[in-house]
Amino acid sequence: MMAHKISDACISCGACADTCPVGAIAPGDTKYVVDPDACIDCGACEDGCPVGAITAE
């Protein structure tokens, strides 16, 4: 199982954090970041991202 990753295309809207069922996404310095230890690889954030900045690692 691999964590999801947020690319530099992230616009810091927070939609992904709202969709994450385990709270593994938080605001970072320049974009939102996924905590790989908490991520359960469900893909909810990928579906919730309006700019397609999230992919499976």
N, C-alpha and C. Protein backbone atom coordinates (compact mmCIF):
# COMPACT_ATOMS: atom_id res chain seq x y z
N MET A 1 0.84 -1.20 0.00
CA MET A 1 0.00 0.00 0.00
C MET A 1 0.87 1.25 0.00
N MET A 2 0.58 2.15 -0.91
CA MET A 2 1.35 3.38 -1.01
C MET A 2 0.46 4.58 -0.69
N ALA A 3 1.04 5.58 -0.10
CA ALA A 3 0.29 6.79 0.23
C ALA A 3 0.05 7.61 -1.04
N HIS A 4 -0.92 8.46 -0.99
CA HIS A 4 -1.16 9.37 -2.10
C HIS A 4 -0.23 10.56 -1.96
N LYS A 5 0.01 11.24 -3.08
CA LYS A 5 0.95 12.35 -3.09
C LYS A 5 0.28 13.56 -3.75
N ILE A 6 0.54 14.74 -3.21
CA ILE A 6 -0.02 15.98 -3.75
C ILE A 6 1.09 16.72 -4.50
N SER A 7 0.83 17.02 -5.78
CA SER A 7 1.84 17.66 -6.62
C SER A 7 1.83 19.18 -6.45
N ASP A 8 2.76 19.84 -7.14
CA ASP A 8 2.86 21.30 -7.08
C ASP A 8 1.68 22.00 -7.75
N ALA A 9 0.80 21.22 -8.39
CA ALA A 9 -0.40 21.80 -9.00
C ALA A 9 -1.43 22.20 -7.93
N CYS A 10 -1.18 21.78 -6.69
CA CYS A 10 -2.07 22.07 -5.56
C CYS A 10 -2.30 23.57 -5.42
N ILE A 11 -3.59 23.95 -5.28
CA ILE A 11 -3.94 25.37 -5.11
C ILE A 11 -4.31 25.69 -3.65
N SER A 12 -4.02 24.75 -2.74
CA SER A 12 -4.28 24.93 -1.30
C SER A 12 -5.71 25.29 -0.97
N CYS A 13 -6.67 24.65 -1.66
CA CYS A 13 -8.08 24.96 -1.40
C CYS A 13 -8.62 24.20 -0.20
N GLY A 14 -7.97 23.07 0.13
CA GLY A 14 -8.40 22.29 1.29
C GLY A 14 -9.48 21.26 1.03
N ALA A 15 -9.92 21.13 -0.22
CA ALA A 15 -10.97 20.17 -0.54
C ALA A 15 -10.54 18.75 -0.18
N CYS A 16 -9.28 18.43 -0.39
CA CYS A 16 -8.77 17.09 -0.11
C CYS A 16 -8.82 16.79 1.39
N ALA A 17 -8.45 17.76 2.19
CA ALA A 17 -8.45 17.57 3.64
C ALA A 17 -9.87 17.30 4.14
N ASP A 18 -10.85 17.95 3.51
CA ASP A 18 -12.25 17.76 3.89
C ASP A 18 -12.75 16.36 3.55
N THR A 19 -12.17 15.75 2.50
CA THR A 19 -12.64 14.44 2.07
C THR A 19 -11.90 13.29 2.75
N CYS A 20 -10.76 13.55 3.38
CA CYS A 20 -9.96 12.48 3.97
C CYS A 20 -10.62 11.91 5.23
N PRO A 21 -10.97 10.61 5.19
CA PRO A 21 -11.66 10.02 6.36
C PRO A 21 -10.78 9.79 7.58
N VAL A 22 -9.44 9.85 7.40
CA VAL A 22 -8.56 9.62 8.54
C VAL A 22 -7.74 10.85 8.93
N GLY A 23 -8.04 11.99 8.31
CA GLY A 23 -7.34 13.23 8.67
C GLY A 23 -5.87 13.23 8.36
N ALA A 24 -5.48 12.57 7.25
CA ALA A 24 -4.06 12.44 6.91
C ALA A 24 -3.52 13.61 6.10
N ILE A 25 -4.38 14.59 5.78
CA ILE A 25 -3.94 15.71 4.94
C ILE A 25 -3.99 17.01 5.73
N ALA A 26 -2.91 17.78 5.63
CA ALA A 26 -2.83 19.05 6.35
C ALA A 26 -2.14 20.09 5.49
N PRO A 27 -2.36 21.38 5.79
CA PRO A 27 -1.69 22.43 5.02
C PRO A 27 -0.19 22.38 5.26
N GLY A 28 0.59 22.49 4.17
CA GLY A 28 2.04 22.54 4.28
C GLY A 28 2.51 23.96 3.99
N ASP A 29 3.78 24.15 3.76
CA ASP A 29 4.32 25.47 3.50
C ASP A 29 3.80 26.07 2.19
N THR A 30 3.81 25.27 1.11
CA THR A 30 3.41 25.79 -0.19
C THR A 30 2.24 25.04 -0.80
N LYS A 31 1.89 23.90 -0.21
CA LYS A 31 0.77 23.09 -0.69
C LYS A 31 0.32 22.17 0.43
N TYR A 32 -0.81 21.51 0.24
CA TYR A 32 -1.25 20.54 1.23
C TYR A 32 -0.37 19.30 1.14
N VAL A 33 -0.20 18.60 2.25
CA VAL A 33 0.65 17.41 2.28
C VAL A 33 -0.08 16.23 2.91
N VAL A 34 0.26 15.03 2.43
CA VAL A 34 -0.33 13.79 2.95
C VAL A 34 0.65 13.15 3.93
N ASP A 35 0.16 12.78 5.10
CA ASP A 35 0.97 12.04 6.07
C ASP A 35 0.94 10.58 5.63
N PRO A 36 2.06 10.06 5.11
CA PRO A 36 2.07 8.69 4.58
C PRO A 36 1.79 7.62 5.63
N ASP A 37 2.06 7.92 6.88
CA ASP A 37 1.82 6.94 7.95
C ASP A 37 0.33 6.84 8.29
N ALA A 38 -0.40 7.93 8.06
CA ALA A 38 -1.82 7.94 8.38
C ALA A 38 -2.69 7.58 7.18
N CYS A 39 -2.18 7.82 5.98
CA CYS A 39 -2.94 7.57 4.75
C CYS A 39 -3.32 6.10 4.61
N ILE A 40 -4.61 5.85 4.31
CA ILE A 40 -5.08 4.47 4.13
C ILE A 40 -5.27 4.14 2.64
N ASP A 41 -4.83 5.03 1.77
CA ASP A 41 -4.85 4.78 0.33
C ASP A 41 -6.26 4.53 -0.22
N CYS A 42 -7.24 5.28 0.28
CA CYS A 42 -8.62 5.06 -0.15
C CYS A 42 -8.96 5.81 -1.44
N GLY A 43 -8.22 6.88 -1.74
CA GLY A 43 -8.44 7.62 -2.97
C GLY A 43 -9.49 8.71 -2.89
N ALA A 44 -10.08 8.92 -1.72
CA ALA A 44 -11.12 9.94 -1.58
C ALA A 44 -10.58 11.33 -1.93
N CYS A 45 -9.34 11.60 -1.54
CA CYS A 45 -8.75 12.92 -1.79
C CYS A 45 -8.55 13.15 -3.30
N GLU A 46 -8.19 12.07 -4.00
CA GLU A 46 -7.98 12.15 -5.44
C GLU A 46 -9.27 12.59 -6.13
N ASP A 47 -10.38 12.00 -5.71
CA ASP A 47 -11.68 12.35 -6.28
C ASP A 47 -12.12 13.75 -5.88
N GLY A 48 -11.68 14.20 -4.71
CA GLY A 48 -12.10 15.50 -4.20
C GLY A 48 -11.29 16.68 -4.68
N CYS A 49 -10.16 16.42 -5.33
CA CYS A 49 -9.29 17.52 -5.77
C CYS A 49 -9.79 18.13 -7.09
N PRO A 50 -10.11 19.44 -7.06
CA PRO A 50 -10.65 20.10 -8.26
C PRO A 50 -9.62 20.33 -9.37
N VAL A 51 -8.33 20.24 -9.04
CA VAL A 51 -7.31 20.50 -10.07
C VAL A 51 -6.50 19.25 -10.41
N GLY A 52 -6.92 18.10 -9.87
CA GLY A 52 -6.23 16.84 -10.20
C GLY A 52 -4.79 16.76 -9.74
N ALA A 53 -4.50 17.38 -8.58
CA ALA A 53 -3.12 17.45 -8.10
C ALA A 53 -2.71 16.24 -7.26
N ILE A 54 -3.62 15.30 -7.05
CA ILE A 54 -3.34 14.16 -6.17
C ILE A 54 -3.30 12.86 -6.96
N THR A 55 -2.23 12.11 -6.75
CA THR A 55 -2.07 10.82 -7.42
C THR A 55 -1.58 9.78 -6.44
N ALA A 56 -1.81 8.52 -6.77
CA ALA A 56 -1.27 7.44 -5.96
C ALA A 56 0.23 7.39 -6.21
N GLU A 57 1.01 7.22 -5.15
CA GLU A 57 2.47 7.26 -5.27
C GLU A 57 3.00 5.98 -5.88
